[in-house]
């Protein structure tokens, strides 16, 4: 099972990614996850290298999970989802797709 890391804020992690030029959001499409460069990746092309969970203090709908993902060509990016009953994805196959991605946790110091 993947290890989930608590970090201060979602915006803090996104800012770290932006500074490292790794702020590529993977978006679910019919063909897989599409990166901002237009390339679409299958689950076998990707690895989840870090997982962060953020919980809203007063509103459960603020709860989200960020998957830090590395593609087989070296591109690092992320995908964000609300979790539980507040998931952003209905029946678009996101949940199944994210479960199909291999998890290979990396130390934060190696990423940032």
N, C-alpha and C. Protein backbone atom coordinates (compact mmCIF):
# COMPACT_ATOMS: atom_id res chain seq x y z
N UNK A 1 0.85 -1.18 0.00
CA UNK A 1 0.00 0.00 0.00
C UNK A 1 0.88 1.24 0.00
N UNK A 2 0.44 2.26 -0.65
CA UNK A 2 1.22 3.50 -0.73
C UNK A 2 1.28 4.20 0.62
N UNK A 3 2.38 4.86 0.85
CA UNK A 3 2.54 5.65 2.07
C UNK A 3 2.06 7.07 1.76
N UNK A 4 1.27 7.61 2.64
CA UNK A 4 0.74 8.96 2.44
C UNK A 4 1.47 9.90 3.39
N UNK A 5 1.98 10.98 2.84
CA UNK A 5 2.76 11.94 3.61
C UNK A 5 1.91 13.17 3.89
N UNK A 6 2.00 13.67 5.10
CA UNK A 6 1.34 14.92 5.45
C UNK A 6 2.32 16.06 5.19
N UNK A 7 1.93 17.07 4.46
CA UNK A 7 2.74 18.25 4.25
C UNK A 7 1.85 19.43 4.58
N UNK A 8 2.44 20.56 4.83
CA UNK A 8 1.70 21.70 5.34
C UNK A 8 0.49 22.07 4.49
N UNK A 9 0.70 22.43 3.22
CA UNK A 9 -0.42 22.85 2.39
C UNK A 9 -0.26 22.35 0.96
N UNK A 10 -1.39 22.22 0.30
CA UNK A 10 -1.38 21.86 -1.11
C UNK A 10 -0.65 22.93 -1.92
N UNK A 11 -0.93 24.19 -1.63
CA UNK A 11 -0.27 25.27 -2.37
C UNK A 11 1.24 25.25 -2.14
N UNK A 12 1.68 24.81 -0.95
CA UNK A 12 3.11 24.72 -0.68
C UNK A 12 3.79 23.68 -1.56
N UNK A 13 3.16 22.53 -1.71
CA UNK A 13 3.72 21.48 -2.57
C UNK A 13 3.72 21.95 -4.02
N UNK A 14 2.61 22.55 -4.46
CA UNK A 14 2.54 23.04 -5.83
C UNK A 14 3.59 24.10 -6.11
N UNK A 15 3.88 24.95 -5.13
CA UNK A 15 4.91 25.98 -5.30
C UNK A 15 6.29 25.33 -5.42
N UNK A 16 6.56 24.32 -4.62
CA UNK A 16 7.84 23.60 -4.74
C UNK A 16 7.98 22.99 -6.13
N UNK A 17 6.90 22.42 -6.63
CA UNK A 17 6.93 21.84 -7.98
C UNK A 17 7.16 22.92 -9.03
N UNK A 18 6.52 24.07 -8.86
CA UNK A 18 6.68 25.17 -9.82
C UNK A 18 8.14 25.64 -9.85
N UNK A 19 8.74 25.80 -8.69
CA UNK A 19 10.13 26.25 -8.61
C UNK A 19 11.05 25.26 -9.32
N UNK A 20 10.77 23.96 -9.19
CA UNK A 20 11.60 22.92 -9.83
C UNK A 20 11.18 22.66 -11.28
N UNK A 21 10.20 23.43 -11.77
CA UNK A 21 9.65 23.26 -13.12
C UNK A 21 9.10 21.86 -13.34
N UNK A 22 8.45 21.37 -12.29
CA UNK A 22 7.82 20.05 -12.34
C UNK A 22 6.32 20.17 -12.11
N UNK A 23 5.79 21.35 -12.38
CA UNK A 23 4.37 21.60 -12.13
C UNK A 23 3.51 21.26 -13.35
N UNK A 24 3.69 20.05 -13.84
CA UNK A 24 2.95 19.54 -14.99
C UNK A 24 1.74 18.77 -14.49
N UNK A 25 0.55 19.30 -14.74
CA UNK A 25 -0.64 18.60 -14.28
C UNK A 25 -1.06 17.54 -15.29
N UNK A 26 -1.12 16.30 -14.82
CA UNK A 26 -1.62 15.21 -15.65
C UNK A 26 -3.14 15.22 -15.55
N UNK A 27 -3.81 15.24 -16.70
CA UNK A 27 -5.27 15.25 -16.72
C UNK A 27 -5.77 13.97 -17.37
N UNK A 28 -6.82 13.41 -16.78
CA UNK A 28 -7.38 12.16 -17.29
C UNK A 28 -8.11 12.42 -18.61
N UNK A 29 -7.77 11.63 -19.61
CA UNK A 29 -8.45 11.64 -20.90
C UNK A 29 -8.89 10.21 -21.20
N UNK A 30 -9.57 10.01 -22.28
CA UNK A 30 -9.98 8.65 -22.65
C UNK A 30 -8.78 7.74 -22.87
N UNK A 31 -7.65 8.31 -23.32
CA UNK A 31 -6.48 7.51 -23.63
C UNK A 31 -5.52 7.31 -22.47
N UNK A 32 -5.72 7.99 -21.36
CA UNK A 32 -4.81 7.87 -20.22
C UNK A 32 -4.66 9.20 -19.51
N UNK A 33 -3.44 9.51 -19.08
CA UNK A 33 -3.15 10.81 -18.47
C UNK A 33 -2.42 11.65 -19.50
N UNK A 34 -2.92 12.86 -19.74
CA UNK A 34 -2.28 13.76 -20.69
C UNK A 34 -1.52 14.85 -19.94
N UNK A 35 -0.28 15.06 -20.36
CA UNK A 35 0.57 16.10 -19.79
C UNK A 35 0.36 17.40 -20.55
N UNK A 36 0.80 18.53 -19.98
CA UNK A 36 0.65 19.81 -20.67
C UNK A 36 1.34 19.87 -22.04
N UNK A 37 2.36 19.02 -22.25
CA UNK A 37 3.05 19.01 -23.54
C UNK A 37 2.24 18.29 -24.62
N UNK A 38 1.06 17.77 -24.24
CA UNK A 38 0.18 17.10 -25.20
C UNK A 38 0.37 15.60 -25.28
N UNK A 39 1.42 15.08 -24.68
CA UNK A 39 1.68 13.64 -24.71
C UNK A 39 0.74 12.92 -23.73
N UNK A 40 0.20 11.79 -24.17
CA UNK A 40 -0.67 10.98 -23.34
C UNK A 40 0.07 9.73 -22.89
N UNK A 41 -0.05 9.43 -21.61
CA UNK A 41 0.65 8.30 -21.01
C UNK A 41 -0.35 7.26 -20.53
N UNK A 42 0.00 5.99 -20.74
CA UNK A 42 -0.76 4.88 -20.17
C UNK A 42 -0.27 4.65 -18.74
N UNK A 43 -1.02 3.90 -17.96
CA UNK A 43 -0.63 3.63 -16.58
C UNK A 43 0.75 2.97 -16.51
N UNK A 44 1.07 2.09 -17.46
CA UNK A 44 2.37 1.42 -17.48
C UNK A 44 3.53 2.37 -17.75
N UNK A 45 3.24 3.57 -18.26
CA UNK A 45 4.28 4.57 -18.55
C UNK A 45 4.58 5.45 -17.35
N UNK A 46 3.85 5.26 -16.25
CA UNK A 46 3.92 6.18 -15.12
C UNK A 46 4.25 5.45 -13.81
N UNK A 47 4.79 6.23 -12.85
CA UNK A 47 5.01 5.74 -11.49
C UNK A 47 4.58 6.84 -10.53
N UNK A 48 3.87 6.47 -9.48
CA UNK A 48 3.57 7.42 -8.41
C UNK A 48 4.78 7.42 -7.49
N UNK A 49 5.43 8.59 -7.39
CA UNK A 49 6.67 8.66 -6.61
C UNK A 49 6.46 9.31 -5.23
N UNK A 50 5.30 9.90 -5.03
CA UNK A 50 4.99 10.49 -3.72
C UNK A 50 3.49 10.76 -3.67
N UNK A 51 2.90 10.61 -2.51
CA UNK A 51 1.48 10.87 -2.32
C UNK A 51 1.31 11.79 -1.11
N UNK A 52 0.54 12.84 -1.29
CA UNK A 52 0.26 13.79 -0.20
C UNK A 52 -1.24 13.87 0.01
N UNK A 53 -1.63 13.90 1.27
CA UNK A 53 -3.05 14.06 1.59
C UNK A 53 -3.22 15.34 2.40
N UNK A 54 -4.24 16.10 2.04
CA UNK A 54 -4.53 17.36 2.72
C UNK A 54 -5.96 17.31 3.21
N UNK A 55 -6.16 17.65 4.47
CA UNK A 55 -7.49 17.59 5.05
C UNK A 55 -7.93 18.97 5.48
N UNK A 56 -9.11 19.37 5.03
CA UNK A 56 -9.67 20.64 5.45
C UNK A 56 -10.02 20.60 6.92
N UNK A 57 -9.65 21.64 7.65
CA UNK A 57 -9.90 21.65 9.10
C UNK A 57 -11.37 21.77 9.44
N UNK A 58 -12.12 22.52 8.65
CA UNK A 58 -13.53 22.72 9.00
C UNK A 58 -14.49 22.19 7.95
N UNK A 59 -14.00 21.89 6.76
CA UNK A 59 -14.89 21.48 5.69
C UNK A 59 -14.34 20.21 5.02
N UNK A 60 -15.02 19.08 5.17
CA UNK A 60 -14.53 17.83 4.56
C UNK A 60 -14.36 17.92 3.05
N UNK A 61 -15.09 18.83 2.40
CA UNK A 61 -14.95 18.95 0.95
C UNK A 61 -13.62 19.58 0.56
N UNK A 62 -12.86 20.09 1.54
CA UNK A 62 -11.53 20.63 1.27
C UNK A 62 -10.46 19.54 1.26
N UNK A 63 -10.83 18.30 1.55
CA UNK A 63 -9.88 17.20 1.59
C UNK A 63 -9.47 16.80 0.18
N UNK A 64 -8.16 16.71 -0.02
CA UNK A 64 -7.67 16.34 -1.35
C UNK A 64 -6.42 15.48 -1.22
N UNK A 65 -6.11 14.84 -2.33
CA UNK A 65 -4.92 14.01 -2.41
C UNK A 65 -4.16 14.41 -3.66
N UNK A 66 -2.86 14.55 -3.52
CA UNK A 66 -2.01 14.91 -4.65
C UNK A 66 -1.08 13.73 -4.90
N UNK A 67 -1.10 13.24 -6.13
CA UNK A 67 -0.19 12.19 -6.55
C UNK A 67 0.94 12.84 -7.34
N UNK A 68 2.16 12.67 -6.89
CA UNK A 68 3.33 13.13 -7.63
C UNK A 68 3.73 11.98 -8.54
N UNK A 69 3.79 12.23 -9.83
CA UNK A 69 3.93 11.18 -10.83
C UNK A 69 5.14 11.43 -11.71
N UNK A 70 5.88 10.36 -12.01
CA UNK A 70 7.01 10.44 -12.93
C UNK A 70 6.71 9.53 -14.12
N UNK A 71 6.87 10.07 -15.32
CA UNK A 71 6.67 9.30 -16.54
C UNK A 71 7.96 8.58 -16.92
N UNK A 72 7.84 7.57 -17.76
CA UNK A 72 9.01 6.81 -18.17
C UNK A 72 10.01 7.62 -19.00
N UNK A 73 9.62 8.80 -19.46
CA UNK A 73 10.54 9.68 -20.18
C UNK A 73 11.16 10.75 -19.27
N UNK A 74 10.91 10.64 -17.96
CA UNK A 74 11.51 11.56 -16.99
C UNK A 74 10.65 12.74 -16.60
N UNK A 75 9.54 12.96 -17.29
CA UNK A 75 8.66 14.08 -16.96
C UNK A 75 8.04 13.84 -15.58
N UNK A 76 8.12 14.84 -14.72
CA UNK A 76 7.50 14.77 -13.40
C UNK A 76 6.35 15.75 -13.35
N UNK A 77 5.24 15.30 -12.81
CA UNK A 77 4.07 16.14 -12.69
C UNK A 77 3.18 15.63 -11.57
N UNK A 78 1.93 16.01 -11.61
CA UNK A 78 1.03 15.67 -10.52
C UNK A 78 -0.40 15.50 -11.02
N UNK A 79 -1.19 14.87 -10.18
CA UNK A 79 -2.63 14.80 -10.37
C UNK A 79 -3.27 15.01 -9.01
N UNK A 80 -4.31 15.80 -8.97
CA UNK A 80 -5.01 16.11 -7.72
C UNK A 80 -6.43 15.58 -7.79
N UNK A 81 -6.88 15.03 -6.67
CA UNK A 81 -8.26 14.58 -6.58
C UNK A 81 -8.76 14.85 -5.17
N UNK A 82 -10.01 15.19 -5.06
CA UNK A 82 -10.66 15.20 -3.74
C UNK A 82 -10.87 13.74 -3.41
N UNK A 83 -10.91 13.39 -2.15
CA UNK A 83 -11.12 11.98 -1.86
C UNK A 83 -12.37 11.75 -1.06
N UNK A 84 -12.76 10.49 -1.05
CA UNK A 84 -13.99 10.11 -0.37
C UNK A 84 -15.19 10.49 -1.22
N UNK A 85 -16.23 10.89 -0.55
CA UNK A 85 -17.49 11.23 -1.24
C UNK A 85 -17.36 12.47 -2.11
N UNK A 86 -16.27 13.22 -1.95
CA UNK A 86 -16.11 14.49 -2.67
C UNK A 86 -15.22 14.37 -3.90
N UNK A 87 -14.96 13.16 -4.37
CA UNK A 87 -14.08 12.95 -5.52
C UNK A 87 -14.50 13.81 -6.70
N UNK A 88 -13.49 14.31 -7.42
CA UNK A 88 -13.73 15.16 -8.60
C UNK A 88 -14.14 14.34 -9.82
N UNK A 89 -13.98 13.03 -9.74
CA UNK A 89 -14.17 12.19 -10.92
C UNK A 89 -15.35 11.27 -10.72
N UNK A 90 -16.31 11.38 -11.61
CA UNK A 90 -17.48 10.52 -11.53
C UNK A 90 -17.13 9.15 -12.10
N UNK A 91 -17.51 8.91 -13.32
CA UNK A 91 -17.25 7.63 -13.96
C UNK A 91 -16.30 7.79 -15.14
N UNK A 92 -15.28 8.62 -14.98
CA UNK A 92 -14.34 8.85 -16.09
C UNK A 92 -13.18 7.87 -16.09
N UNK A 93 -13.18 6.90 -15.16
CA UNK A 93 -12.11 5.91 -15.10
C UNK A 93 -10.90 6.34 -14.32
N UNK A 94 -10.94 7.53 -13.70
CA UNK A 94 -9.79 8.07 -12.97
C UNK A 94 -9.34 7.14 -11.85
N UNK A 95 -10.29 6.73 -11.01
CA UNK A 95 -9.93 5.92 -9.85
C UNK A 95 -9.27 4.61 -10.26
N UNK A 96 -9.82 3.95 -11.25
CA UNK A 96 -9.23 2.70 -11.73
C UNK A 96 -7.86 2.96 -12.34
N UNK A 97 -7.74 4.03 -13.12
CA UNK A 97 -6.46 4.35 -13.77
C UNK A 97 -5.38 4.63 -12.73
N UNK A 98 -5.69 5.43 -11.72
CA UNK A 98 -4.68 5.78 -10.70
C UNK A 98 -4.26 4.52 -9.92
N UNK A 99 -5.18 3.59 -9.71
CA UNK A 99 -4.82 2.34 -9.03
C UNK A 99 -3.91 1.46 -9.88
N UNK A 100 -3.98 1.62 -11.20
CA UNK A 100 -3.15 0.82 -12.10
C UNK A 100 -1.72 1.33 -12.22
N UNK A 101 -1.46 2.53 -11.71
CA UNK A 101 -0.11 3.09 -11.78
C UNK A 101 0.74 2.50 -10.66
N UNK A 102 1.91 2.04 -11.02
CA UNK A 102 2.83 1.44 -10.05
C UNK A 102 3.30 2.51 -9.06
N UNK A 103 3.41 2.13 -7.78
CA UNK A 103 3.88 3.05 -6.75
C UNK A 103 5.33 2.72 -6.42
N UNK A 104 6.21 3.71 -6.59
CA UNK A 104 7.63 3.59 -6.24
C UNK A 104 8.03 4.86 -5.50
N UNK A 105 7.73 4.89 -4.21
CA UNK A 105 7.98 6.09 -3.40
C UNK A 105 9.44 6.52 -3.46
N UNK A 106 9.64 7.83 -3.62
CA UNK A 106 10.97 8.43 -3.56
C UNK A 106 11.02 9.37 -2.37
N UNK A 107 12.18 9.52 -1.80
CA UNK A 107 12.39 10.46 -0.72
C UNK A 107 12.19 11.88 -1.24
N UNK A 108 11.54 12.73 -0.44
CA UNK A 108 11.31 14.13 -0.87
C UNK A 108 12.60 14.84 -1.26
N UNK A 109 13.69 14.56 -0.57
CA UNK A 109 14.94 15.21 -0.90
C UNK A 109 15.43 14.88 -2.30
N UNK A 110 15.05 13.72 -2.80
CA UNK A 110 15.42 13.34 -4.17
C UNK A 110 14.54 14.03 -5.20
N UNK A 111 13.34 14.43 -4.79
CA UNK A 111 12.40 15.07 -5.71
C UNK A 111 12.58 16.58 -5.71
N UNK A 112 12.62 17.14 -4.50
CA UNK A 112 12.71 18.60 -4.36
C UNK A 112 14.13 18.96 -4.09
